[in-house]
Amino acid sequence: MPIQLAAALAIGLGAIGPGLGIGILASKAMEAIGRNPEAAPTIQTNMILGIVFAEAIAIYALVVALLIMFVPAVK
C-alpha cells in the first residue's frame, strides 16, 4: 500500500507543475500573438520549445513513479 501511494504522489505532483506551466505558457503566447500577429511564427516556435521542456518534467515524474512501482526495495 505505501508503494502505491508513493507512486501516485510522484506522478500526481509531478504532473501538476508541467500542467500549470503549459497552460500559462500557451495563454501568454496567444496573448502575444493577439497583440502582434506578425511575430506569430517566432512566438509559436518558442512556445512549442517551452511546452516540450515542461512535458519532459512530467515524463521524468512518470519514470520515477514506474521505478517506485516495479523496482524492489532493498531491505
PDB file of N, CA and C in Angstrom:
ATOM      1  N   MET A   1       0.810  -1.207   0.000  1.00  0.00           N
ATOM      2  CA  MET A   1       0.000   0.000   0.000  1.00  0.00           C
ATOM      3  C   MET A   1       0.853   1.272   0.000  1.00  0.00           C
ATOM      4  N   PRO A   2       1.903   1.365   0.825  1.00  0.00           N
ATOM      5  CA  PRO A   2       2.704   2.598   0.794  1.00  0.00           C
ATOM      6  C   PRO A   2       3.421   2.812  -0.535  1.00  0.00           C
ATOM      7  N   ILE A   3       3.750   1.724  -1.226  1.00  0.00           N
ATOM      8  CA  ILE A   3       4.437   1.865  -2.514  1.00  0.00           C
ATOM      9  C   ILE A   3       3.492   2.488  -3.543  1.00  0.00           C
ATOM     10  N   GLN A   4       2.244   2.031  -3.548  1.00  0.00           N
ATOM     11  CA  GLN A   4       1.280   2.605  -4.494  1.00  0.00           C
ATOM     12  C   GLN A   4       1.008   4.071  -4.181  1.00  0.00           C
ATOM     13  N   LEU A   5       0.963   4.408  -2.903  1.00  0.00           N
ATOM     14  CA  LEU A   5       0.745   5.801  -2.517  1.00  0.00           C
ATOM     15  C   LEU A   5       1.923   6.677  -2.950  1.00  0.00           C
ATOM     16  N   ALA A   6       3.133   6.174  -2.777  1.00  0.00           N
ATOM     17  CA  ALA A   6       4.314   6.930  -3.187  1.00  0.00           C
ATOM     18  C   ALA A   6       4.334   7.139  -4.702  1.00  0.00           C
ATOM     19  N   ALA A   7       3.988   6.105  -5.451  1.00  0.00           N
ATOM     20  CA  ALA A   7       3.951   6.239  -6.913  1.00  0.00           C
ATOM     21  C   ALA A   7       2.865   7.222  -7.340  1.00  0.00           C
ATOM     22  N   ALA A   8       1.714   7.155  -6.693  1.00  0.00           N
ATOM     23  CA  ALA A   8       0.628   8.078  -7.023  1.00  0.00           C
ATOM     24  C   ALA A   8       1.016   9.519  -6.722  1.00  0.00           C
ATOM     25  N   LEU A   9       1.678   9.735  -5.600  1.00  0.00           N
ATOM     26  CA  LEU A   9       2.128  11.090  -5.273  1.00  0.00           C
ATOM     27  C   LEU A   9       3.195  11.571  -6.242  1.00  0.00           C
ATOM     28  N   ALA A  10       4.093  10.683  -6.642  1.00  0.00           N
ATOM     29  CA  ALA A  10       5.160  11.070  -7.571  1.00  0.00           C
ATOM     30  C   ALA A  10       4.590  11.545  -8.899  1.00  0.00           C
ATOM     31  N   ILE A  11       3.676  10.791  -9.472  1.00  0.00           N
ATOM     32  CA  ILE A  11       3.127  11.192 -10.770  1.00  0.00           C
ATOM     33  C   ILE A  11       2.112  12.321 -10.606  1.00  0.00           C
ATOM     34  N   GLY A  12       1.357  12.307  -9.523  1.00  0.00           N
ATOM     35  CA  GLY A  12       0.361  13.360  -9.311  1.00  0.00           C
ATOM     36  C   GLY A  12       0.994  14.730  -9.131  1.00  0.00           C
ATOM     37  N   LEU A  13       1.957  14.802  -8.228  1.00  0.00           N
ATOM     38  CA  LEU A  13       2.623  16.080  -8.001  1.00  0.00           C
ATOM     39  C   LEU A  13       3.553  16.439  -9.153  1.00  0.00           C
ATOM     40  N   GLY A  14       4.110  15.422  -9.807  1.00  0.00           N
ATOM     41  CA  GLY A  14       4.994  15.672 -10.937  1.00  0.00           C
ATOM     42  C   GLY A  14       4.263  16.149 -12.176  1.00  0.00           C
ATOM     43  N   ALA A  15       2.963  15.960 -12.241  1.00  0.00           N
ATOM     44  CA  ALA A  15       2.186  16.406 -13.398  1.00  0.00           C
ATOM     45  C   ALA A  15       1.513  17.759 -13.173  1.00  0.00           C
ATOM     46  N   ILE A  16       1.389  18.178 -11.930  1.00  0.00           N
ATOM     47  CA  ILE A  16       0.735  19.459 -11.647  1.00  0.00           C
ATOM     48  C   ILE A  16       1.557  20.627 -12.185  1.00  0.00           C
ATOM     49  N   GLY A  17       2.851  20.613 -11.904  1.00  0.00           N
ATOM     50  CA  GLY A  17       3.719  21.712 -12.344  1.00  0.00           C
ATOM     51  C   GLY A  17       3.742  21.899 -13.850  1.00  0.00           C
ATOM     52  N   PRO A  18       4.049  20.831 -14.607  1.00  0.00           N
ATOM     53  CA  PRO A  18       4.040  20.985 -16.063  1.00  0.00           C
ATOM     54  C   PRO A  18       2.664  21.359 -16.617  1.00  0.00           C
ATOM     55  N   GLY A  19       1.613  20.840 -16.018  1.00  0.00           N
ATOM     56  CA  GLY A  19       0.262  21.198 -16.490  1.00  0.00           C
ATOM     57  C   GLY A  19      -0.015  22.679 -16.334  1.00  0.00           C
ATOM     58  N   LEU A  20       0.309  23.206 -15.169  1.00  0.00           N
ATOM     59  CA  LEU A  20       0.131  24.645 -14.950  1.00  0.00           C
ATOM     60  C   LEU A  20       1.063  25.456 -15.852  1.00  0.00           C
ATOM     61  N   GLY A  21       2.301  25.011 -15.974  1.00  0.00           N
ATOM     62  CA  GLY A  21       3.263  25.729 -16.812  1.00  0.00           C
ATOM     63  C   GLY A  21       2.842  25.795 -18.265  1.00  0.00           C
ATOM     64  N   ILE A  22       2.365  24.680 -18.791  1.00  0.00           N
ATOM     65  CA  ILE A  22       1.930  24.655 -20.197  1.00  0.00           C
ATOM     66  C   ILE A  22       0.710  25.541 -20.388  1.00  0.00           C
ATOM     67  N   GLY A  23      -0.202  25.519 -19.438  1.00  0.00           N
ATOM     68  CA  GLY A  23      -1.386  26.382 -19.540  1.00  0.00           C
ATOM     69  C   GLY A  23      -1.032  27.856 -19.543  1.00  0.00           C
ATOM     70  N   ILE A  24      -0.164  28.258 -18.642  1.00  0.00           N
ATOM     71  CA  ILE A  24       0.251  29.659 -18.572  1.00  0.00           C
ATOM     72  C   ILE A  24       1.027  30.043 -19.826  1.00  0.00           C
ATOM     73  N   LEU A  25       1.910  29.150 -20.263  1.00  0.00           N
ATOM     74  CA  LEU A  25       2.726  29.423 -21.449  1.00  0.00           C
ATOM     75  C   LEU A  25       1.849  29.616 -22.686  1.00  0.00           C
ATOM     76  N   ALA A  26       0.890  28.729 -22.897  1.00  0.00           N
ATOM     77  CA  ALA A  26       0.008  28.847 -24.063  1.00  0.00           C
ATOM     78  C   ALA A  26      -0.851  30.104 -23.974  1.00  0.00           C
ATOM     79  N   SER A  27      -1.315  30.430 -22.777  1.00  0.00           N
ATOM     80  CA  SER A  27      -2.132  31.631 -22.597  1.00  0.00           C
ATOM     81  C   SER A  27      -1.352  32.894 -22.968  1.00  0.00           C
ATOM     82  N   LYS A  28      -0.138  32.987 -22.479  1.00  0.00           N
ATOM     83  CA  LYS A  28       0.667  34.177 -22.772  1.00  0.00           C
ATOM     84  C   LYS A  28       1.086  34.229 -24.234  1.00  0.00           C
ATOM     85  N   ALA A  29       1.322  33.058 -24.840  1.00  0.00           N
ATOM     86  CA  ALA A  29       1.682  33.048 -26.263  1.00  0.00           C
ATOM     87  C   ALA A  29       0.507  33.521 -27.115  1.00  0.00           C
ATOM     88  N   MET A  30      -0.700  33.079 -26.797  1.00  0.00           N
ATOM     89  CA  MET A  30      -1.867  33.518 -27.564  1.00  0.00           C
ATOM     90  C   MET A  30      -2.119  35.011 -27.369  1.00  0.00           C
ATOM     91  N   GLU A  31      -1.866  35.491 -26.159  1.00  0.00           N
ATOM     92  CA  GLU A  31      -1.998  36.923 -25.899  1.00  0.00           C
ATOM     93  C   GLU A  31      -0.977  37.715 -26.716  1.00  0.00           C
ATOM     94  N   ALA A  32       0.251  37.218 -26.789  1.00  0.00           N
ATOM     95  CA  ALA A  32       1.294  37.904 -27.561  1.00  0.00           C
ATOM     96  C   ALA A  32       0.977  37.882 -29.051  1.00  0.00           C
ATOM     97  N   ILE A  33       0.461  36.771 -29.545  1.00  0.00           N
ATOM     98  CA  ILE A  33       0.095  36.696 -30.968  1.00  0.00           C
ATOM     99  C   ILE A  33      -1.063  37.642 -31.267  1.00  0.00           C
ATOM    100  N   GLY A  34      -1.993  37.763 -30.320  1.00  0.00           N
ATOM    101  CA  GLY A  34      -3.104  38.696 -30.498  1.00  0.00           C
ATOM    102  C   GLY A  34      -2.636  40.143 -30.561  1.00  0.00           C
ATOM    103  N   ARG A  35      -1.608  40.466 -29.814  1.00  0.00           N
ATOM    104  CA  ARG A  35      -1.086  41.836 -29.811  1.00  0.00           C
ATOM    105  C   ARG A  35      -0.195  42.130 -31.007  1.00  0.00           C
ATOM    106  N   ASN A  36       0.532  41.084 -31.477  1.00  0.00           N
ATOM    107  CA  ASN A  36       1.486  41.293 -32.569  1.00  0.00           C
ATOM    108  C   ASN A  36       1.423  40.086 -33.520  1.00  0.00           C
ATOM    109  N   PRO A  37       0.450  40.057 -34.419  1.00  0.00           N
ATOM    110  CA  PRO A  37       0.283  38.888 -35.292  1.00  0.00           C
ATOM    111  C   PRO A  37       1.465  38.633 -36.229  1.00  0.00           C
ATOM    112  N   GLU A  38       2.248  39.657 -36.536  1.00  0.00           N
ATOM    113  CA  GLU A  38       3.390  39.451 -37.446  1.00  0.00           C
ATOM    114  C   GLU A  38       4.461  38.576 -36.807  1.00  0.00           C
ATOM    115  N   ALA A  39       4.506  38.542 -35.490  1.00  0.00           N
ATOM    116  CA  ALA A  39       5.528  37.763 -34.786  1.00  0.00           C
ATOM    117  C   ALA A  39       5.053  36.344 -34.462  1.00  0.00           C
ATOM    118  N   ALA A  40       3.928  35.927 -35.036  1.00  0.00           N
ATOM    119  CA  ALA A  40       3.345  34.624 -34.703  1.00  0.00           C
ATOM    120  C   ALA A  40       4.298  33.445 -34.931  1.00  0.00           C
ATOM    121  N   PRO A  41       5.032  33.364 -36.057  1.00  0.00           N
ATOM    122  CA  PRO A  41       5.924  32.196 -36.227  1.00  0.00           C
ATOM    123  C   PRO A  41       7.002  32.095 -35.149  1.00  0.00           C
ATOM    124  N   THR A  42       7.592  33.213 -34.778  1.00  0.00           N
ATOM    125  CA  THR A  42       8.627  33.203 -33.736  1.00  0.00           C
ATOM    126  C   THR A  42       8.040  32.839 -32.387  1.00  0.00           C
ATOM    127  N   ILE A  43       6.897  33.415 -32.066  1.00  0.00           N
ATOM    128  CA  ILE A  43       6.245  33.124 -30.788  1.00  0.00           C
ATOM    129  C   ILE A  43       5.833  31.661 -30.729  1.00  0.00           C
ATOM    130  N   GLN A  44       5.292  31.155 -31.825  1.00  0.00           N
ATOM    131  CA  GLN A  44       4.842  29.761 -31.856  1.00  0.00           C
ATOM    132  C   GLN A  44       6.019  28.791 -31.690  1.00  0.00           C
ATOM    133  N   THR A  45       7.131  29.081 -32.317  1.00  0.00           N
ATOM    134  CA  THR A  45       8.311  28.226 -32.176  1.00  0.00           C
ATOM    135  C   THR A  45       8.794  28.203 -30.736  1.00  0.00           C
ATOM    136  N   ASN A  46       8.878  29.365 -30.114  1.00  0.00           N
ATOM    137  CA  ASN A  46       9.315  29.431 -28.719  1.00  0.00           C
ATOM    138  C   ASN A  46       8.311  28.754 -27.790  1.00  0.00           C
ATOM    139  N   MET A  47       7.027  28.886 -28.096  1.00  0.00           N
ATOM    140  CA  MET A  47       6.002  28.241 -27.276  1.00  0.00           C
ATOM    141  C   MET A  47       6.145  26.725 -27.344  1.00  0.00           C
ATOM    142  N   ILE A  48       6.349  26.185 -28.530  1.00  0.00           N
ATOM    143  CA  ILE A  48       6.481  24.735 -28.681  1.00  0.00           C
ATOM    144  C   ILE A  48       7.717  24.231 -27.937  1.00  0.00           C
ATOM    145  N   LEU A  49       8.820  24.960 -28.003  1.00  0.00           N
ATOM    146  CA  LEU A  49      10.019  24.571 -27.251  1.00  0.00           C
ATOM    147  C   LEU A  49       9.748  24.568 -25.746  1.00  0.00           C
ATOM    148  N   GLY A  50       9.066  25.571 -25.265  1.00  0.00           N
ATOM    149  CA  GLY A  50       8.727  25.629 -23.839  1.00  0.00           C
ATOM    150  C   GLY A  50       7.828  24.484 -23.419  1.00  0.00           C
ATOM    151  N   ILE A  51       6.864  24.143 -24.263  1.00  0.00           N
ATOM    152  CA  ILE A  51       5.971  23.020 -23.962  1.00  0.00           C
ATOM    153  C   ILE A  51       6.749  21.712 -23.914  1.00  0.00           C
ATOM    154  N   VAL A  52       7.681  21.536 -24.832  1.00  0.00           N
ATOM    155  CA  VAL A  52       8.489  20.309 -24.854  1.00  0.00           C
ATOM    156  C   VAL A  52       9.301  20.179 -23.570  1.00  0.00           C
ATOM    157  N   PHE A  53       9.930  21.265 -23.138  1.00  0.00           N
ATOM    158  CA  PHE A  53      10.737  21.198 -21.916  1.00  0.00           C
ATOM    159  C   PHE A  53       9.865  20.955 -20.681  1.00  0.00           C
ATOM    160  N   ALA A  54       8.687  21.553 -20.630  1.00  0.00           N
ATOM    161  CA  ALA A  54       7.790  21.325 -19.494  1.00  0.00           C
ATOM    162  C   ALA A  54       7.275  19.888 -19.504  1.00  0.00           C
ATOM    163  N   GLU A  55       6.973  19.372 -20.661  1.00  0.00           N
ATOM    164  CA  GLU A  55       6.465  17.994 -20.757  1.00  0.00           C
ATOM    165  C   GLU A  55       7.540  16.990 -20.375  1.00  0.00           C
ATOM    166  N   ALA A  56       8.799  17.327 -20.593  1.00  0.00           N
ATOM    167  CA  ALA A  56       9.887  16.422 -20.202  1.00  0.00           C
ATOM    168  C   ALA A  56       9.887  16.200 -18.692  1.00  0.00           C
ATOM    169  N   ILE A  57       9.536  17.215 -17.926  1.00  0.00           N
ATOM    170  CA  ILE A  57       9.478  17.071 -16.472  1.00  0.00           C
ATOM    171  C   ILE A  57       8.390  16.084 -16.083  1.00  0.00           C
ATOM    172  N   ALA A  58       7.247  16.122 -16.761  1.00  0.00           N
ATOM    173  CA  ALA A  58       6.174  15.169 -16.479  1.00  0.00           C
ATOM    174  C   ALA A  58       6.602  13.745 -16.842  1.00  0.00           C
ATOM    175  N   ILE A  59       7.360  13.598 -17.903  1.00  0.00           N
ATOM    176  CA  ILE A  59       7.846  12.270 -18.287  1.00  0.00           C
ATOM    177  C   ILE A  59       8.829  11.753 -17.241  1.00  0.00           C
ATOM    178  N   TYR A  60       9.678  12.624 -16.702  1.00  0.00           N
ATOM    179  CA  TYR A  60      10.584  12.204 -15.629  1.00  0.00           C
ATOM    180  C   TYR A  60       9.787  11.744 -14.411  1.00  0.00           C
ATOM    181  N   ALA A  61       8.723  12.438 -14.084  1.00  0.00           N
ATOM    182  CA  ALA A  61       7.883  12.040 -12.948  1.00  0.00           C
ATOM    183  C   ALA A  61       7.245  10.672 -13.207  1.00  0.00           C
ATOM    184  N   LEU A  62       6.842  10.419 -14.436  1.00  0.00           N
ATOM    185  CA  LEU A  62       6.278   9.117 -14.779  1.00  0.00           C
ATOM    186  C   LEU A  62       7.316   8.015 -14.618  1.00  0.00           C
ATOM    187  N   VAL A  63       8.542   8.280 -15.053  1.00  0.00           N
ATOM    188  CA  VAL A  63       9.625   7.289 -14.910  1.00  0.00           C
ATOM    189  C   VAL A  63       9.888   7.009 -13.434  1.00  0.00           C
ATOM    190  N   VAL A  64       9.909   8.041 -12.615  1.00  0.00           N
ATOM    191  CA  VAL A  64      10.127   7.848 -11.181  1.00  0.00           C
ATOM    192  C   VAL A  64       8.994   7.019 -10.571  1.00  0.00           C
ATOM    193  N   ALA A  65       7.751   7.314 -10.960  1.00  0.00           N
ATOM    194  CA  ALA A  65       6.616   6.548 -10.445  1.00  0.00           C
ATOM    195  C   ALA A  65       6.706   5.086 -10.867  1.00  0.00           C
ATOM    196  N   LEU A  66       7.100   4.835 -12.096  1.00  0.00           N
ATOM    197  CA  LEU A  66       7.247   3.445 -12.549  1.00  0.00           C
ATOM    198  C   LEU A  66       8.382   2.743 -11.822  1.00  0.00           C
ATOM    199  N   LEU A  67       9.465   3.457 -11.563  1.00  0.00           N
ATOM    200  CA  LEU A  67      10.560   2.859 -10.803  1.00  0.00           C
ATOM    201  C   LEU A  67      10.120   2.521  -9.383  1.00  0.00           C
ATOM    202  N   ILE A  68       9.361   3.402  -8.770  1.00  0.00           N
ATOM    203  CA  ILE A  68       8.860   3.134  -7.424  1.00  0.00           C
ATOM    204  C   ILE A  68       7.979   1.881  -7.425  1.00  0.00           C
ATOM    205  N   MET A  69       7.164   1.738  -8.469  1.00  0.00           N
ATOM    206  CA  MET A  69       6.229   0.613  -8.512  1.00  0.00           C
ATOM    207  C   MET A  69       6.924  -0.718  -8.782  1.00  0.00           C
ATOM    208  N   PHE A  70       7.901  -0.753  -9.681  1.00  0.00           N
ATOM    209  CA  PHE A  70       8.381  -2.023 -10.197  1.00  0.00           C
ATOM    210  C   PHE A  70       9.790  -2.416  -9.787  1.00  0.00           C
ATOM    211  N   VAL A  71      10.539  -1.538  -9.154  1.00  0.00           N
ATOM    212  CA  VAL A  71      11.868  -1.903  -8.695  1.00  0.00           C
ATOM    213  C   VAL A  71      11.753  -2.302  -7.222  1.00  0.00           C
ATOM    214  N   PRO A  72      12.172  -3.497  -6.896  1.00  0.00           N
ATOM    215  CA  PRO A  72      12.005  -3.937  -5.489  1.00  0.00           C
ATOM    216  C   PRO A  72      12.894  -3.130  -4.544  1.00  0.00           C
ATOM    217  N   ALA A  73      12.345  -2.868  -3.381  1.00  0.00           N
ATOM    218  CA  ALA A  73      13.075  -2.093  -2.360  1.00  0.00           C
ATOM    219  C   ALA A  73      14.117  -2.995  -1.704  1.00  0.00           C
ATOM    220  N   VAL A  74      15.242  -2.420  -1.376  1.00  0.00           N
ATOM    221  CA  VAL A  74      16.300  -3.162  -0.688  1.00  0.00           C
ATOM    222  C   VAL A  74      15.972  -3.151   0.808  1.00  0.00           C
ATOM    223  N   LYS A  75      15.993  -4.325   1.402  1.00  0.00           N
ATOM    224  CA  LYS A  75      15.644  -4.416   2.832  1.00  0.00           C
ATOM    225  C   LYS A  75      16.838  -4.787   3.654  1.00  0.00           C
TER     226      LYS A  75
END
